[in-house]
Amino acid sequence: MRAVVQRVLEASVSVNGEKVSQIGPGLLVLLGVGKGDSEADIPWMVEKLATLRIFEDAAGKMNLSLEDTHRQLIVVSQFTLYGDTRKGRRPSFIEAMEPVGAKGLYERVCEGLRTRGLTVGTGIFAADMKVALVNDGPVTLLLETPGPAAPAA
């Protein structure tokens, strides 16, 4: 799994002109699921997103997580994170997981975050979404699950 994680002051997702998710300060996560991903990748991604220390503490250091701050997040499915642009001018998406499997893993990541007590907004899987955000910092990080042989975060 791959994720682009953005610390935001606010974010929203709209489909067909209607807002389906909206948050104040927190994280916007664009999540891609690849062909080699499985249920085994979910705990790592959930743990990393919930505990990644990218919010400032009283001293101005990035020492606090979503769980520490009780902030919200929006997780948006983003198969284009598996776009390969090394050859030619048109991205190849052959490394992205097929939609049925990807949707299930995406939904389980969201459920895993909710199980930890986090408020999770989502987009609508495979819809044409409009994502709006105000990046805070800016702070933008790339995450990628380490694979089947790696330990949990």
Protein backbone atom coordinates (compact mmCIF):
# COMPACT_ATOMS: atom_id res chain seq x y z
CA MET A 1 0.00 0.00 0.00
CA ARG A 2 1.07 3.52 -0.69
CA ALA A 3 -0.21 6.66 0.98
CA VAL A 4 0.31 10.36 0.53
CA VAL A 5 -0.32 11.89 3.94
CA GLN A 6 -0.97 15.62 4.21
CA ARG A 7 -1.36 17.54 7.44
CA VAL A 8 -4.26 19.88 6.83
CA LEU A 9 -6.08 22.76 8.48
CA GLU A 10 -9.19 21.58 6.65
CA ALA A 11 -10.15 19.17 3.89
CA SER A 12 -13.24 17.99 2.08
CA VAL A 13 -14.33 15.54 -0.60
CA SER A 14 -17.20 16.22 -2.99
CA VAL A 15 -18.91 13.94 -5.49
CA ASN A 16 -21.32 15.36 -8.07
CA GLY A 17 -21.23 18.74 -6.31
CA GLU A 18 -22.20 17.26 -2.91
CA LYS A 19 -19.78 17.16 0.04
CA VAL A 20 -19.40 13.59 1.26
CA SER A 21 -16.69 14.28 3.89
CA GLN A 22 -15.31 17.33 5.62
CA ILE A 23 -12.82 17.83 8.47
CA GLY A 24 -11.01 20.62 10.27
CA PRO A 25 -7.41 20.14 11.41
CA GLY A 26 -6.13 16.63 10.82
CA LEU A 27 -4.87 14.46 7.99
CA LEU A 28 -5.87 13.92 4.39
CA VAL A 29 -4.69 10.49 3.25
CA LEU A 30 -4.63 9.42 -0.39
CA LEU A 31 -4.39 5.61 -0.25
CA GLY A 32 -3.38 3.35 -3.12
CA VAL A 33 -3.57 -0.44 -3.09
CA GLY A 34 -1.15 -2.44 -5.22
CA LYS A 35 -1.31 -5.94 -6.70
CA GLY A 36 0.95 -7.43 -4.04
CA ASP A 37 -0.91 -5.94 -1.08
CA SER A 38 -2.91 -8.10 1.32
CA GLU A 39 -4.66 -8.16 4.68
CA ALA A 40 -1.20 -8.44 6.24
CA ASP A 41 -0.44 -4.83 5.19
CA ILE A 42 -3.42 -3.35 7.00
CA PRO A 43 -2.09 -3.34 10.60
CA TRP A 44 1.12 -1.59 9.54
CA MET A 45 -0.72 1.15 7.64
CA VAL A 46 -3.32 1.66 10.38
CA GLU A 47 -0.66 1.84 13.10
CA LYS A 48 1.49 4.24 11.09
CA LEU A 49 -1.38 6.60 10.25
CA ALA A 50 -2.75 6.63 13.81
CA THR A 51 0.60 7.17 15.53
CA LEU A 52 2.69 9.17 13.05
CA ARG A 53 3.98 12.12 15.08
CA ILE A 54 3.50 15.06 12.72
CA PHE A 55 1.50 17.50 14.82
CA GLU A 56 3.29 20.11 16.88
CA ASP A 57 3.50 19.96 20.66
CA ALA A 58 3.66 23.00 22.97
CA ALA A 59 7.35 23.45 22.11
CA GLY A 60 6.60 23.56 18.36
CA LYS A 61 8.15 20.14 17.65
CA MET A 62 6.39 17.47 15.59
CA ASN A 63 5.79 15.14 18.53
CA LEU A 64 2.05 14.43 18.49
CA SER A 65 -0.08 11.98 16.52
CA LEU A 66 -3.72 11.79 15.48
CA GLU A 67 -4.38 9.68 18.56
CA ASP A 68 -2.64 12.23 20.80
CA THR A 69 -4.51 15.21 19.38
CA HIS A 70 -7.90 13.57 18.68
CA ARG A 71 -7.90 15.11 15.22
CA GLN A 72 -9.79 13.64 12.30
CA LEU A 73 -8.76 12.27 8.95
CA ILE A 74 -10.17 11.68 5.51
CA VAL A 75 -8.97 8.62 3.59
CA VAL A 76 -9.46 8.76 -0.18
CA SER A 77 -8.84 5.80 -2.47
CA GLN A 78 -6.21 6.74 -5.07
CA PHE A 79 -5.21 4.01 -7.53
CA THR A 80 -3.08 6.49 -9.48
CA LEU A 81 -0.43 6.24 -6.72
CA TYR A 82 0.58 3.07 -8.57
CA GLY A 83 0.99 4.89 -11.88
CA ASP A 84 4.34 4.04 -13.48
CA THR A 85 5.72 6.96 -15.49
CA ARG A 86 9.23 5.64 -16.15
CA LYS A 87 8.49 4.86 -19.82
CA GLY A 88 6.65 6.96 -22.34
CA ARG A 89 4.25 9.78 -21.58
CA ARG A 90 1.18 7.90 -20.46
CA PRO A 91 1.18 6.33 -16.97
CA SER A 92 0.76 2.58 -16.69
CA PHE A 93 -1.45 1.34 -13.87
CA ILE A 94 -0.72 -2.39 -14.13
CA GLU A 95 0.68 -2.47 -10.58
CA ALA A 96 -2.60 -1.18 -9.07
CA MET A 97 -4.84 -3.87 -7.59
CA GLU A 98 -8.10 -4.62 -9.41
CA PRO A 99 -11.04 -2.60 -8.01
CA VAL A 100 -12.90 -5.31 -6.08
CA GLY A 101 -9.85 -6.37 -4.06
CA ALA A 102 -8.60 -2.80 -3.63
CA LYS A 103 -11.96 -1.62 -2.31
CA GLY A 104 -12.00 -4.33 0.34
CA LEU A 105 -8.49 -3.50 1.60
CA TYR A 106 -9.20 0.25 1.50
CA GLU A 107 -12.37 -0.24 3.55
CA ARG A 108 -10.52 -2.42 6.08
CA VAL A 109 -7.87 0.27 6.57
CA CYS A 110 -10.64 2.79 7.29
CA GLU A 111 -12.33 0.37 9.69
CA GLY A 112 -9.01 -0.31 11.45
CA LEU A 113 -8.58 3.42 12.05
CA ARG A 114 -12.14 3.68 13.39
CA THR A 115 -11.47 0.74 15.71
CA ARG A 116 -8.68 2.82 17.25
CA GLY A 117 -11.25 5.51 18.08
CA LEU A 118 -10.42 7.87 15.24
CA THR A 119 -13.03 9.78 13.25
CA VAL A 120 -12.55 8.78 9.61
CA GLY A 121 -14.19 10.43 6.64
CA THR A 122 -13.96 8.87 3.20
CA GLY A 123 -14.58 9.57 -0.42
CA ILE A 124 -16.66 7.25 -2.58
CA PHE A 125 -14.60 4.42 -4.03
CA ALA A 126 -14.07 4.73 -7.82
CA ALA A 127 -16.11 7.95 -8.04
CA ASP A 128 -14.94 11.14 -9.73
CA MET A 129 -14.09 13.07 -6.58
CA LYS A 130 -13.09 16.67 -5.98
CA VAL A 131 -10.69 16.92 -3.04
CA ALA A 132 -10.10 20.31 -1.44
CA LEU A 133 -7.54 21.00 1.26
CA VAL A 134 -5.52 23.61 3.05
CA ASN A 135 -2.13 22.00 3.65
CA ASP A 136 -0.66 22.89 7.05
CA GLY A 137 3.06 23.55 7.06
CA PRO A 138 3.11 22.28 4.37
CA VAL A 139 3.65 18.78 5.72
CA THR A 140 3.31 16.01 3.14
CA LEU A 141 4.74 12.51 3.60
CA LEU A 142 4.85 9.35 1.51
CA LEU A 143 4.22 6.01 3.20
CA GLU A 144 4.63 2.56 1.73
CA THR A 145 4.02 -0.70 3.52
CA PRO A 146 7.26 -2.62 3.90
CA GLY A 147 5.99 -5.96 2.59
CA PRO A 148 5.12 -9.36 4.04
CA ALA A 149 8.42 -10.06 5.82
CA ALA A 150 8.55 -6.78 7.73
CA PRO A 151 7.46 -6.37 11.36
CA ALA A 152 4.58 -4.11 12.40
CA ALA A 153 5.33 -0.39 12.80
